Amino acid sequence: NMNALLSKIAGISVALWQFYMPLLRDVFSSGAAVLLPLALAVVRTLNKTDLPGGAKRAQALLSLKREAAHQGIIVTASLLRWTVESAVQRVKLSK
């Protein structure tokens, strides 16, 4: 059972984990749903520049972080990286 394993790792009871897991899932999915269109716009704009790939990703992360803060969205670094990478892959597939 994944809840039991995660509760042992995090040191929280299974009941508490079962309570918070749906909330965390909703927060993650709603944040990603809002950020992905923003990330796509940023990645498409940066794709037209002469910057190397690593610099484009770094700039995309910075731009997306600023835009999320501007819209009042609290995001983790991992969600930002995941959203930018998803946008990069989507742009690559659309070529």
PDB file of N, CA and C in Angstrom:
ATOM      1  N   ASN A   1       0.846  -1.175   0.000  1.00  0.00           N
ATOM      2  CA  ASN A   1       0.000   0.000   0.000  1.00  0.00           C
ATOM      3  C   ASN A   1       0.892   1.239   0.000  1.00  0.00           C
ATOM      4  N   MET A   2       0.683   2.089  -0.986  1.00  0.00           N
ATOM      5  CA  MET A   2       1.498   3.283  -1.154  1.00  0.00           C
ATOM      6  C   MET A   2       1.302   4.263   0.005  1.00  0.00           C
ATOM      7  N   ASN A   3       0.084   4.392   0.506  1.00  0.00           N
ATOM      8  CA  ASN A   3      -0.161   5.309   1.629  1.00  0.00           C
ATOM      9  C   ASN A   3       0.627   4.890   2.865  1.00  0.00           C
ATOM     10  N   ALA A   4       0.671   3.599   3.120  1.00  0.00           N
ATOM     11  CA  ALA A   4       1.406   3.113   4.294  1.00  0.00           C
ATOM     12  C   ALA A   4       2.908   3.387   4.144  1.00  0.00           C
ATOM     13  N   LEU A   5       3.431   3.140   2.951  1.00  0.00           N
ATOM     14  CA  LEU A   5       4.848   3.395   2.703  1.00  0.00           C
ATOM     15  C   LEU A   5       5.176   4.878   2.859  1.00  0.00           C
ATOM     16  N   LEU A   6       4.370   5.733   2.240  1.00  0.00           N
ATOM     17  CA  LEU A   6       4.609   7.173   2.334  1.00  0.00           C
ATOM     18  C   LEU A   6       4.447   7.682   3.760  1.00  0.00           C
ATOM     19  N   SER A   7       3.505   7.104   4.487  1.00  0.00           N
ATOM     20  CA  SER A   7       3.326   7.554   5.872  1.00  0.00           C
ATOM     21  C   SER A   7       4.531   7.174   6.729  1.00  0.00           C
ATOM     22  N   LYS A   8       5.135   6.003   6.465  1.00  0.00           N
ATOM     23  CA  LYS A   8       6.338   5.618   7.203  1.00  0.00           C
ATOM     24  C   LYS A   8       7.511   6.533   6.866  1.00  0.00           C
ATOM     25  N   ILE A   9       7.653   6.855   5.583  1.00  0.00           N
ATOM     26  CA  ILE A   9       8.748   7.719   5.149  1.00  0.00           C
ATOM     27  C   ILE A   9       8.576   9.124   5.724  1.00  0.00           C
ATOM     28  N   ALA A  10       7.372   9.661   5.646  1.00  0.00           N
ATOM     29  CA  ALA A  10       7.121  11.030   6.101  1.00  0.00           C
ATOM     30  C   ALA A  10       6.888  11.119   7.606  1.00  0.00           C
ATOM     31  N   GLY A  11       6.640   9.990   8.242  1.00  0.00           N
ATOM     32  CA  GLY A  11       6.403  10.004   9.674  1.00  0.00           C
ATOM     33  C   GLY A  11       5.015  10.489  10.055  1.00  0.00           C
ATOM     34  N   ILE A  12       4.053  10.314   9.158  1.00  0.00           N
ATOM     35  CA  ILE A  12       2.674  10.719   9.454  1.00  0.00           C
ATOM     36  C   ILE A  12       1.794   9.472   9.453  1.00  0.00           C
ATOM     37  N   SER A  13       0.697   9.552  10.165  1.00  0.00           N
ATOM     38  CA  SER A  13      -0.199   8.404  10.238  1.00  0.00           C
ATOM     39  C   SER A  13      -0.885   8.185   8.890  1.00  0.00           C
ATOM     40  N   VAL A  14      -1.298   6.950   8.653  1.00  0.00           N
ATOM     41  CA  VAL A  14      -1.971   6.596   7.403  1.00  0.00           C
ATOM     42  C   VAL A  14      -3.268   7.392   7.270  1.00  0.00           C
ATOM     43  N   ALA A  15      -4.011   7.534   8.360  1.00  0.00           N
ATOM     44  CA  ALA A  15      -5.274   8.272   8.308  1.00  0.00           C
ATOM     45  C   ALA A  15      -5.053   9.726   7.899  1.00  0.00           C
ATOM     46  N   LEU A  16      -4.019  10.333   8.436  1.00  0.00           N
ATOM     47  CA  LEU A  16      -3.718  11.714   8.092  1.00  0.00           C
ATOM     48  C   LEU A  16      -3.290  11.821   6.630  1.00  0.00           C
ATOM     49  N   TRP A  17      -2.485  10.879   6.202  1.00  0.00           N
ATOM     50  CA  TRP A  17      -2.045  10.856   4.802  1.00  0.00           C
ATOM     51  C   TRP A  17      -3.237  10.694   3.874  1.00  0.00           C
ATOM     52  N   GLN A  18      -4.173   9.812   4.221  1.00  0.00           N
ATOM     53  CA  GLN A  18      -5.365   9.598   3.388  1.00  0.00           C
ATOM     54  C   GLN A  18      -6.222  10.857   3.324  1.00  0.00           C
ATOM     55  N   PHE A  19      -6.203  11.651   4.375  1.00  0.00           N
ATOM     56  CA  PHE A  19      -6.951  12.903   4.381  1.00  0.00           C
ATOM     57  C   PHE A  19      -6.290  13.935   3.462  1.00  0.00           C
ATOM     58  N   TYR A  20      -4.969  14.059   3.548  1.00  0.00           N
ATOM     59  CA  TYR A  20      -4.263  15.096   2.797  1.00  0.00           C
ATOM     60  C   TYR A  20      -3.979  14.744   1.340  1.00  0.00           C
ATOM     61  N   MET A  21      -3.881  13.479   1.011  1.00  0.00           N
ATOM     62  CA  MET A  21      -3.518  13.079  -0.354  1.00  0.00           C
ATOM     63  C   MET A  21      -4.469  13.649  -1.413  1.00  0.00           C
ATOM     64  N   PRO A  22      -5.783  13.548  -1.272  1.00  0.00           N
ATOM     65  CA  PRO A  22      -6.659  14.145  -2.291  1.00  0.00           C
ATOM     66  C   PRO A  22      -6.489  15.657  -2.400  1.00  0.00           C
ATOM     67  N   LEU A  23      -6.257  16.309  -1.276  1.00  0.00           N
ATOM     68  CA  LEU A  23      -6.049  17.759  -1.305  1.00  0.00           C
ATOM     69  C   LEU A  23      -4.768  18.104  -2.057  1.00  0.00           C
ATOM     70  N   LEU A  24      -3.702  17.373  -1.763  1.00  0.00           N
ATOM     71  CA  LEU A  24      -2.430  17.616  -2.457  1.00  0.00           C
ATOM     72  C   LEU A  24      -2.555  17.339  -3.952  1.00  0.00           C
ATOM     73  N   ARG A  25      -3.271  16.295  -4.292  1.00  0.00           N
ATOM     74  CA  ARG A  25      -3.476  15.950  -5.698  1.00  0.00           C
ATOM     75  C   ARG A  25      -4.235  17.072  -6.404  1.00  0.00           C
ATOM     76  N   ASP A  26      -5.264  17.618  -5.759  1.00  0.00           N
ATOM     77  CA  ASP A  26      -6.028  18.716  -6.355  1.00  0.00           C
ATOM     78  C   ASP A  26      -5.178  19.961  -6.531  1.00  0.00           C
ATOM     79  N   VAL A  27      -4.377  20.280  -5.519  1.00  0.00           N
ATOM     80  CA  VAL A  27      -3.517  21.459  -5.603  1.00  0.00           C
ATOM     81  C   VAL A  27      -2.526  21.304  -6.745  1.00  0.00           C
ATOM     82  N   PHE A  28      -1.910  20.127  -6.850  1.00  0.00           N
ATOM     83  CA  PHE A  28      -0.938  19.896  -7.906  1.00  0.00           C
ATOM     84  C   PHE A  28      -1.594  19.992  -9.277  1.00  0.00           C
ATOM     85  N   SER A  29      -2.730  19.316  -9.450  1.00  0.00           N
ATOM     86  CA  SER A  29      -3.362  19.297 -10.770  1.00  0.00           C
ATOM     87  C   SER A  29      -3.896  20.669 -11.158  1.00  0.00           C
ATOM     88  N   SER A  30      -4.436  21.434 -10.201  1.00  0.00           N
ATOM     89  CA  SER A  30      -4.937  22.762 -10.551  1.00  0.00           C
ATOM     90  C   SER A  30      -3.785  23.702 -10.878  1.00  0.00           C
ATOM     91  N   GLY A  31      -2.678  23.601 -10.137  1.00  0.00           N
ATOM     92  CA  GLY A  31      -1.509  24.419 -10.430  1.00  0.00           C
ATOM     93  C   GLY A  31      -0.942  24.102 -11.794  1.00  0.00           C
ATOM     94  N   ALA A  32      -0.845  22.835 -12.113  1.00  0.00           N
ATOM     95  CA  ALA A  32      -0.322  22.430 -13.416  1.00  0.00           C
ATOM     96  C   ALA A  32      -1.250  22.870 -14.540  1.00  0.00           C
ATOM     97  N   ALA A  33      -2.546  22.796 -14.304  1.00  0.00           N
ATOM     98  CA  ALA A  33      -3.515  23.202 -15.327  1.00  0.00           C
ATOM     99  C   ALA A  33      -3.393  24.687 -15.649  1.00  0.00           C
ATOM    100  N   VAL A  34      -3.102  25.498 -14.654  1.00  0.00           N
ATOM    101  CA  VAL A  34      -2.946  26.938 -14.865  1.00  0.00           C
ATOM    102  C   VAL A  34      -1.584  27.242 -15.474  1.00  0.00           C
ATOM    103  N   LEU A  35      -0.558  26.536 -15.025  1.00  0.00           N
ATOM    104  CA  LEU A  35       0.805  26.837 -15.462  1.00  0.00           C
ATOM    105  C   LEU A  35       1.136  26.339 -16.863  1.00  0.00           C
ATOM    106  N   LEU A  36       0.544  25.241 -17.295  1.00  0.00           N
ATOM    107  CA  LEU A  36       0.931  24.671 -18.582  1.00  0.00           C
ATOM    108  C   LEU A  36       0.696  25.626 -19.754  1.00  0.00           C
ATOM    109  N   PRO A  37      -0.455  26.291 -19.865  1.00  0.00           N
ATOM    110  CA  PRO A  37      -0.597  27.258 -20.976  1.00  0.00           C
ATOM    111  C   PRO A  37       0.419  28.392 -20.906  1.00  0.00           C
ATOM    112  N   LEU A  38       0.720  28.838 -19.694  1.00  0.00           N
ATOM    113  CA  LEU A  38       1.735  29.884 -19.537  1.00  0.00           C
ATOM    114  C   LEU A  38       3.103  29.374 -19.979  1.00  0.00           C
ATOM    115  N   ALA A  39       3.436  28.157 -19.562  1.00  0.00           N
ATOM    116  CA  ALA A  39       4.721  27.556 -19.925  1.00  0.00           C
ATOM    117  C   ALA A  39       4.820  27.368 -21.433  1.00  0.00           C
ATOM    118  N   LEU A  40       3.731  26.961 -22.077  1.00  0.00           N
ATOM    119  CA  LEU A  40       3.752  26.794 -23.528  1.00  0.00           C
ATOM    120  C   LEU A  40       4.050  28.113 -24.224  1.00  0.00           C
ATOM    121  N   ALA A  41       3.441  29.186 -23.768  1.00  0.00           N
ATOM    122  CA  ALA A  41       3.688  30.496 -24.373  1.00  0.00           C
ATOM    123  C   ALA A  41       5.136  30.919 -24.189  1.00  0.00           C
ATOM    124  N   VAL A  42       5.670  30.706 -22.997  1.00  0.00           N
ATOM    125  CA  VAL A  42       7.064  31.072 -22.710  1.00  0.00           C
ATOM    126  C   VAL A  42       8.018  30.242 -23.565  1.00  0.00           C
ATOM    127  N   VAL A  43       7.787  28.935 -23.621  1.00  0.00           N
ATOM    128  CA  VAL A  43       8.670  28.040 -24.382  1.00  0.00           C
ATOM    129  C   VAL A  43       8.610  28.361 -25.872  1.00  0.00           C
ATOM    130  N   ARG A  44       7.424  28.641 -26.390  1.00  0.00           N
ATOM    131  CA  ARG A  44       7.309  28.980 -27.817  1.00  0.00           C
ATOM    132  C   ARG A  44       8.050  30.275 -28.133  1.00  0.00           C
ATOM    133  N   THR A  45       7.972  31.246 -27.238  1.00  0.00           N
ATOM    134  CA  THR A  45       8.682  32.508 -27.440  1.00  0.00           C
ATOM    135  C   THR A  45      10.189  32.282 -27.396  1.00  0.00           C
ATOM    136  N   LEU A  46      10.659  31.542 -26.390  1.00  0.00           N
ATOM    137  CA  LEU A  46      12.095  31.288 -26.256  1.00  0.00           C
ATOM    138  C   LEU A  46      12.627  30.398 -27.369  1.00  0.00           C
ATOM    139  N   ASN A  47      11.773  29.578 -27.930  1.00  0.00           N
ATOM    140  CA  ASN A  47      12.187  28.680 -29.016  1.00  0.00           C
ATOM    141  C   ASN A  47      12.630  29.476 -30.249  1.00  0.00           C
ATOM    142  N   LYS A  48      12.160  30.694 -30.372  1.00  0.00           N
ATOM    143  CA  LYS A  48      12.504  31.538 -31.519  1.00  0.00           C
ATOM    144  C   LYS A  48      13.813  32.306 -31.315  1.00  0.00           C
ATOM    145  N   THR A  49      14.426  32.159 -30.140  1.00  0.00           N
ATOM    146  CA  THR A  49      15.668  32.880 -29.854  1.00  0.00           C
ATOM    147  C   THR A  49      16.879  32.038 -30.215  1.00  0.00           C
ATOM    148  N   ASP A  50      18.034  32.660 -30.164  1.00  0.00           N
ATOM    149  CA  ASP A  50      19.293  31.973 -30.463  1.00  0.00           C
ATOM    150  C   ASP A  50      19.973  31.409 -29.224  1.00  0.00           C
ATOM    151  N   LEU A  51      19.315  31.478 -28.072  1.00  0.00           N
ATOM    152  CA  LEU A  51      19.914  30.966 -26.838  1.00  0.00           C
ATOM    153  C   LEU A  51      20.124  29.454 -26.926  1.00  0.00           C
ATOM    154  N   PRO A  52      21.163  28.941 -26.272  1.00  0.00           N
ATOM    155  CA  PRO A  52      21.339  27.489 -26.209  1.00  0.00           C
ATOM    156  C   PRO A  52      20.226  26.859 -25.358  1.00  0.00           C
ATOM    157  N   GLY A  53      20.029  25.568 -25.518  1.00  0.00           N
ATOM    158  CA  GLY A  53      18.937  24.858 -24.846  1.00  0.00           C
ATOM    159  C   GLY A  53      18.889  25.049 -23.340  1.00  0.00           C
ATOM    160  N   GLY A  54      20.040  24.925 -22.681  1.00  0.00           N
ATOM    161  CA  GLY A  54      20.084  25.077 -21.224  1.00  0.00           C
ATOM    162  C   GLY A  54      19.689  26.474 -20.780  1.00  0.00           C
ATOM    163  N   ALA A  55      20.119  27.469 -21.535  1.00  0.00           N
ATOM    164  CA  ALA A  55      19.777  28.860 -21.209  1.00  0.00           C
ATOM    165  C   ALA A  55      18.288  29.116 -21.433  1.00  0.00           C
ATOM    166  N   LYS A  56      17.741  28.482 -22.475  1.00  0.00           N
ATOM    167  CA  LYS A  56      16.296  28.616 -22.727  1.00  0.00           C
ATOM    168  C   LYS A  56      15.496  28.032 -21.575  1.00  0.00           C
ATOM    169  N   ARG A  57      15.905  26.852 -21.096  1.00  0.00           N
ATOM    170  CA  ARG A  57      15.193  26.226 -19.973  1.00  0.00           C
ATOM    171  C   ARG A  57      15.289  27.081 -18.718  1.00  0.00           C
ATOM    172  N   ALA A  58      16.480  27.605 -18.443  1.00  0.00           N
ATOM    173  CA  ALA A  58      16.668  28.450 -17.259  1.00  0.00           C
ATOM    174  C   ALA A  58      15.805  29.702 -17.353  1.00  0.00           C
ATOM    175  N   GLN A  59      15.765  30.309 -18.518  1.00  0.00           N
ATOM    176  CA  GLN A  59      14.942  31.508 -18.715  1.00  0.00           C
ATOM    177  C   GLN A  59      13.459  31.161 -18.621  1.00  0.00           C
ATOM    178  N   ALA A  60      13.071  30.019 -19.143  1.00  0.00           N
ATOM    179  CA  ALA A  60      11.671  29.587 -19.059  1.00  0.00           C
ATOM    180  C   ALA A  60      11.255  29.388 -17.607  1.00  0.00           C
ATOM    181  N   LEU A  61      12.120  28.761 -16.807  1.00  0.00           N
ATOM    182  CA  LEU A  61      11.823  28.568 -15.386  1.00  0.00           C
ATOM    183  C   LEU A  61      11.664  29.901 -14.672  1.00  0.00           C
ATOM    184  N   LEU A  62      12.575  30.822 -14.949  1.00  0.00           N
ATOM    185  CA  LEU A  62      12.521  32.132 -14.312  1.00  0.00           C
ATOM    186  C   LEU A  62      11.257  32.896 -14.729  1.00  0.00           C
ATOM    187  N   SER A  63      10.949  32.894 -16.008  1.00  0.00           N
ATOM    188  CA  SER A  63       9.766  33.596 -16.506  1.00  0.00           C
ATOM    189  C   SER A  63       8.485  32.993 -15.941  1.00  0.00           C
ATOM    190  N   LEU A  64       8.428  31.669 -15.898  1.00  0.00           N
ATOM    191  CA  LEU A  64       7.233  31.000 -15.386  1.00  0.00           C
ATOM    192  C   LEU A  64       7.068  31.246 -13.888  1.00  0.00           C
ATOM    193  N   LYS A  65       8.169  31.245 -13.163  1.00  0.00           N
ATOM    194  CA  LYS A  65       8.114  31.522 -11.725  1.00  0.00           C
ATOM    195  C   LYS A  65       7.580  32.938 -11.481  1.00  0.00           C
ATOM    196  N   ARG A  66       8.071  33.901 -12.250  1.00  0.00           N
ATOM    197  CA  ARG A  66       7.596  35.286 -12.118  1.00  0.00           C
ATOM    198  C   ARG A  66       6.111  35.394 -12.458  1.00  0.00           C
ATOM    199  N   GLU A  67       5.703  34.739 -13.529  1.00  0.00           N
ATOM    200  CA  GLU A  67       4.306  34.808 -13.949  1.00  0.00           C
ATOM    201  C   GLU A  67       3.387  34.147 -12.928  1.00  0.00           C
ATOM    202  N   ALA A  68       3.822  33.025 -12.369  1.00  0.00           N
ATOM    203  CA  ALA A  68       3.033  32.354 -11.334  1.00  0.00           C
ATOM    204  C   ALA A  68       2.883  33.256 -10.120  1.00  0.00           C
ATOM    205  N   ALA A  69       3.968  33.900  -9.700  1.00  0.00           N
ATOM    206  CA  ALA A  69       3.918  34.812  -8.556  1.00  0.00           C
ATOM    207  C   ALA A  69       3.008  35.996  -8.856  1.00  0.00           C
ATOM    208  N   HIS A  70       3.074  36.498 -10.074  1.00  0.00           N
ATOM    209  CA  HIS A  70       2.236  37.622 -10.480  1.00  0.00           C
ATOM    210  C   HIS A  70       0.753  37.258 -10.399  1.00  0.00           C
ATOM    211  N   GLN A  71       0.434  36.001 -10.712  1.00  0.00           N
ATOM    212  CA  GLN A  71      -0.955  35.542 -10.666  1.00  0.00           C
ATOM    213  C   GLN A  71      -1.351  34.986  -9.298  1.00  0.00           C
ATOM    214  N   GLY A  72      -0.429  35.026  -8.353  1.00  0.00           N
ATOM    215  CA  GLY A  72      -0.744  34.554  -7.007  1.00  0.00           C
ATOM    216  C   GLY A  72      -0.737  33.047  -6.857  1.00  0.00           C
ATOM    217  N   ILE A  73      -0.049  32.360  -7.750  1.00  0.00           N
ATOM    218  CA  ILE A  73       0.027  30.897  -7.716  1.00  0.00           C
ATOM    219  C   ILE A  73       1.300  30.507  -6.984  1.00  0.00           C
ATOM    220  N   ILE A  74       1.167  29.716  -5.949  1.00  0.00           N
ATOM    221  CA  ILE A  74       2.324  29.229  -5.201  1.00  0.00           C
ATOM    222  C   ILE A  74       2.734  27.888  -5.804  1.00  0.00           C
ATOM    223  N   VAL A  75       3.964  27.809  -6.265  1.00  0.00           N
ATOM    224  CA  VAL A  75       4.430  26.586  -6.924  1.00  0.00           C
ATOM    225  C   VAL A  75       5.761  26.138  -6.341  1.00  0.00           C
ATOM    226  N   THR A  76       6.001  24.858  -6.452  1.00  0.00           N
ATOM    227  CA  THR A  76       7.282  24.298  -6.033  1.00  0.00           C
ATOM    228  C   THR A  76       8.226  24.298  -7.225  1.00  0.00           C
ATOM    229  N   ALA A  77       9.498  24.174  -6.937  1.00  0.00           N
ATOM    230  CA  ALA A  77      10.500  24.104  -8.007  1.00  0.00           C
ATOM    231  C   ALA A  77      10.259  22.886  -8.888  1.00  0.00           C
ATOM    232  N   SER A  78       9.865  21.773  -8.286  1.00  0.00           N
ATOM    233  CA  SER A  78       9.642  20.560  -9.079  1.00  0.00           C
ATOM    234  C   SER A  78       8.443  20.722 -10.009  1.00  0.00           C
ATOM    235  N   LEU A  79       7.393  21.412  -9.560  1.00  0.00           N
ATOM    236  CA  LEU A  79       6.240  21.651 -10.437  1.00  0.00           C
ATOM    237  C   LEU A  79       6.634  22.579 -11.575  1.00  0.00           C
ATOM    238  N   LEU A  80       7.441  23.590 -11.293  1.00  0.00           N
ATOM    239  CA  LEU A  80       7.915  24.475 -12.356  1.00  0.00           C
ATOM    240  C   LEU A  80       8.726  23.704 -13.390  1.00  0.00           C
ATOM    241  N   ARG A  81       9.665  22.880 -12.913  1.00  0.00           N
ATOM    242  CA  ARG A  81      10.498  22.098 -13.841  1.00  0.00           C
ATOM    243  C   ARG A  81       9.646  21.134 -14.660  1.00  0.00           C
ATOM    244  N   TRP A  82       8.694  20.472 -14.009  1.00  0.00           N
ATOM    245  CA  TRP A  82       7.825  19.526 -14.706  1.00  0.00           C
ATOM    246  C   TRP A  82       6.994  20.244 -15.764  1.00  0.00           C
ATOM    247  N   THR A  83       6.466  21.415 -15.425  1.00  0.00           N
ATOM    248  CA  THR A  83       5.629  22.163 -16.361  1.00  0.00           C
ATOM    249  C   THR A  83       6.431  22.643 -17.553  1.00  0.00           C
ATOM    250  N   VAL A  84       7.622  23.166 -17.306  1.00  0.00           N
ATOM    251  CA  VAL A  84       8.477  23.622 -18.413  1.00  0.00           C
ATOM    252  C   VAL A  84       8.871  22.443 -19.292  1.00  0.00           C
ATOM    253  N   GLU A  85       9.260  21.330 -18.678  1.00  0.00           N
ATOM    254  CA  GLU A  85       9.646  20.158 -19.473  1.00  0.00           C
ATOM    255  C   GLU A  85       8.469  19.634 -20.287  1.00  0.00           C
ATOM    256  N   SER A  86       7.284  19.643 -19.713  1.00  0.00           N
ATOM    257  CA  SER A  86       6.085  19.217 -20.450  1.00  0.00           C
ATOM    258  C   SER A  86       5.835  20.137 -21.637  1.00  0.00           C
ATOM    259  N   ALA A  87       6.005  21.434 -21.436  1.00  0.00           N
ATOM    260  CA  ALA A  87       5.822  22.391 -22.522  1.00  0.00           C
ATOM    261  C   ALA A  87       6.874  22.185 -23.610  1.00  0.00           C
ATOM    262  N   VAL A  88       8.125  21.945 -23.213  1.00  0.00           N
ATOM    263  CA  VAL A  88       9.197  21.701 -24.188  1.00  0.00           C
ATOM    264  C   VAL A  88       8.864  20.473 -25.030  1.00  0.00           C
ATOM    265  N   GLN A  89       8.451  19.403 -24.378  1.00  0.00           N
ATOM    266  CA  GLN A  89       8.114  18.181 -25.113  1.00  0.00           C
ATOM    267  C   GLN A  89       6.931  18.402 -26.048  1.00  0.00           C
ATOM    268  N   ARG A  90       5.952  19.163 -25.594  1.00  0.00           N
ATOM    269  CA  ARG A  90       4.778  19.437 -26.427  1.00  0.00           C
ATOM    270  C   ARG A  90       5.163  20.254 -27.667  1.00  0.00           C
ATOM    271  N   VAL A  91       6.042  21.244 -27.474  1.00  0.00           N
ATOM    272  CA  VAL A  91       6.495  22.048 -28.608  1.00  0.00           C
ATOM    273  C   VAL A  91       7.305  21.189 -29.576  1.00  0.00           C
ATOM    274  N   LYS A  92       8.152  20.322 -29.045  1.00  0.00           N
ATOM    275  CA  LYS A  92       8.937  19.430 -29.918  1.00  0.00           C
ATOM    276  C   LYS A  92       8.036  18.507 -30.720  1.00  0.00           C
ATOM    277  N   LEU A  93       6.976  17.992 -30.104  1.00  0.00           N
ATOM    278  CA  LEU A  93       6.066  17.084 -30.801  1.00  0.00           C
ATOM    279  C   LEU A  93       5.225  17.794 -31.854  1.00  0.00           C
ATOM    280  N   SER A  94       5.002  19.081 -31.668  1.00  0.00           N
ATOM    281  CA  SER A  94       4.158  19.817 -32.606  1.00  0.00           C
ATOM    282  C   SER A  94       4.898  20.271 -33.862  1.00  0.00           C
ATOM    283  N   LYS A  95       6.221  20.053 -33.896  1.00  0.00           N
ATOM    284  CA  LYS A  95       7.005  20.453 -35.087  1.00  0.00           C
ATOM    285  C   LYS A  95       6.813  19.485 -36.215  1.00  0.00           C
TER     286      LYS A  95
END
